[in-house]
Protein backbone atom coordinates (compact mmCIF):
# COMPACT_ATOMS: atom_id res chain seq x y z
CA MET A 1 -12.02 -27.61 -23.66
CA LYS A 2 -13.23 -27.43 -20.05
CA LYS A 3 -9.82 -28.56 -18.80
CA LEU A 4 -8.09 -25.86 -20.84
CA LEU A 5 -10.43 -23.20 -19.47
CA LEU A 6 -9.84 -24.43 -15.93
CA ILE A 7 -6.05 -24.36 -16.40
CA ILE A 8 -6.17 -20.82 -17.82
CA THR A 9 -8.37 -19.67 -14.94
CA LEU A 10 -6.06 -21.18 -12.34
CA LEU A 11 -2.97 -19.68 -13.94
CA SER A 12 -4.50 -16.21 -14.18
CA THR A 13 -5.68 -16.39 -10.55
CA THR A 14 -2.17 -17.34 -9.42
CA ALA A 15 -0.64 -14.54 -11.49
CA PHE A 16 -3.07 -12.02 -10.01
CA ALA A 17 -2.29 -13.19 -6.47
CA ASN A 18 1.44 -12.93 -7.11
CA GLU A 19 1.02 -9.43 -8.55
CA GLY A 20 -0.82 -8.37 -5.38
CA LYS A 21 2.04 -9.71 -3.24
CA GLU A 22 4.60 -7.87 -5.38
CA ILE A 23 2.71 -4.58 -4.98
CA HIS A 24 2.41 -5.16 -1.24
CA ASN A 25 6.13 -5.99 -0.93
CA LYS A 26 7.15 -2.97 -3.04
CA GLY A 27 4.90 -0.71 -0.96
CA LYS A 28 6.37 -2.08 2.25
CA GLU A 29 9.91 -1.63 0.93
CA LEU A 30 9.26 1.98 -0.14
CA HIS A 31 7.52 2.75 3.15
CA ASN A 32 10.43 1.33 5.15
CA GLU A 33 12.97 3.28 3.09
CA SER A 34 11.25 6.66 3.09
CA CYS A 35 8.47 6.89 5.68
CA ILE A 36 9.86 5.18 8.76
CA ALA A 37 12.16 8.12 9.53
CA CYS A 38 9.16 10.34 10.32
CA HIS A 39 6.61 7.77 11.41
CA MET A 40 8.66 5.61 13.75
CA ILE A 41 10.94 7.99 15.65
CA THR A 42 8.30 9.30 18.04
CA HIS A 43 5.68 6.54 17.80
CA ASP A 44 5.11 2.97 16.69
CA ASP A 45 2.54 1.07 14.60
CA ASP A 46 -0.20 2.28 16.94
CA PHE A 47 0.17 5.66 15.23
CA TYR A 48 -1.64 4.30 12.19
CA THR A 49 -4.44 2.59 14.11
CA ARG A 50 -5.18 5.00 16.98
CA LYS A 51 -8.79 6.07 17.49
CA ASN A 52 -8.20 9.76 16.73
CA ARG A 53 -6.27 9.13 13.49
CA LYS A 54 -6.64 11.64 10.68
CA MET A 55 -6.87 9.02 7.94
CA ASP A 56 -10.44 7.78 7.87
CA THR A 57 -10.97 7.21 4.14
CA LEU A 58 -8.92 5.78 1.29
CA PRO A 59 -8.93 9.11 -0.61
CA LYS A 60 -7.50 10.88 2.47
CA LEU A 61 -4.79 8.25 2.79
CA THR A 62 -3.95 8.56 -0.91
CA GLY A 63 -3.79 12.34 -0.61
CA GLN A 64 -1.58 12.22 2.47
CA VAL A 65 0.92 9.86 0.87
CA SER A 66 1.05 12.16 -2.15
CA LYS A 67 1.57 15.21 0.08
CA CYS A 68 4.45 13.55 1.90
CA VAL A 69 6.06 12.52 -1.39
CA GLN A 70 5.91 16.12 -2.61
CA ALA A 71 6.84 17.80 0.69
CA PHE A 72 9.93 15.67 1.21
CA SER A 73 10.90 15.43 -2.49
CA ILE A 74 10.88 11.64 -2.35
CA GLY A 75 10.56 11.32 -6.11
CA TRP A 76 8.25 8.32 -6.36
CA PHE A 77 6.37 7.56 -9.53
CA PRO A 78 2.54 7.34 -9.29
CA ASP A 79 2.63 3.53 -9.25
CA GLU A 80 5.07 3.64 -6.32
CA GLU A 81 2.77 5.98 -4.38
CA LYS A 82 -0.11 3.62 -5.15
CA SER A 83 1.84 0.62 -3.87
CA VAL A 84 2.56 2.42 -0.58
CA VAL A 85 -1.11 3.37 -0.20
CA GLU A 86 -2.11 -0.24 -0.89
CA TYR A 87 0.46 -1.51 1.63
CA LEU A 88 -0.70 0.90 4.35
CA ASN A 89 -4.35 0.20 3.63
CA LYS A 90 -3.88 -3.56 3.75
CA LYS A 91 -1.71 -3.54 6.86
CA TYR A 92 -3.41 -0.84 8.96
CA TYR A 93 -6.58 0.73 7.62
CA GLN A 94 -8.59 -1.84 5.61
CA PHE A 95 -10.63 0.84 3.80
CA LYS A 96 -12.92 -0.54 1.11
CA LYS A 97 -11.89 0.31 -2.44
């Protein structure tokens, strides 16, 4: 019984880790397709990490991604917006959830 519980735990942990990678990869892909045009023409990755950045909380970041999606009629579903927020947060901001 203990072995079965251990196997189930290991499998679920692996599945959760893979799901996190998929979300991160999807967020990166969406960001590269739709956000790079505005965020990389006049500046580089330092834009996201500069000291005087406007994004200083996770709710602000979430709101800004949503505003961009609406303003530029990107047409993402809520889960796609979430994956971009998670990608940006993991790569640049590291806000606590």
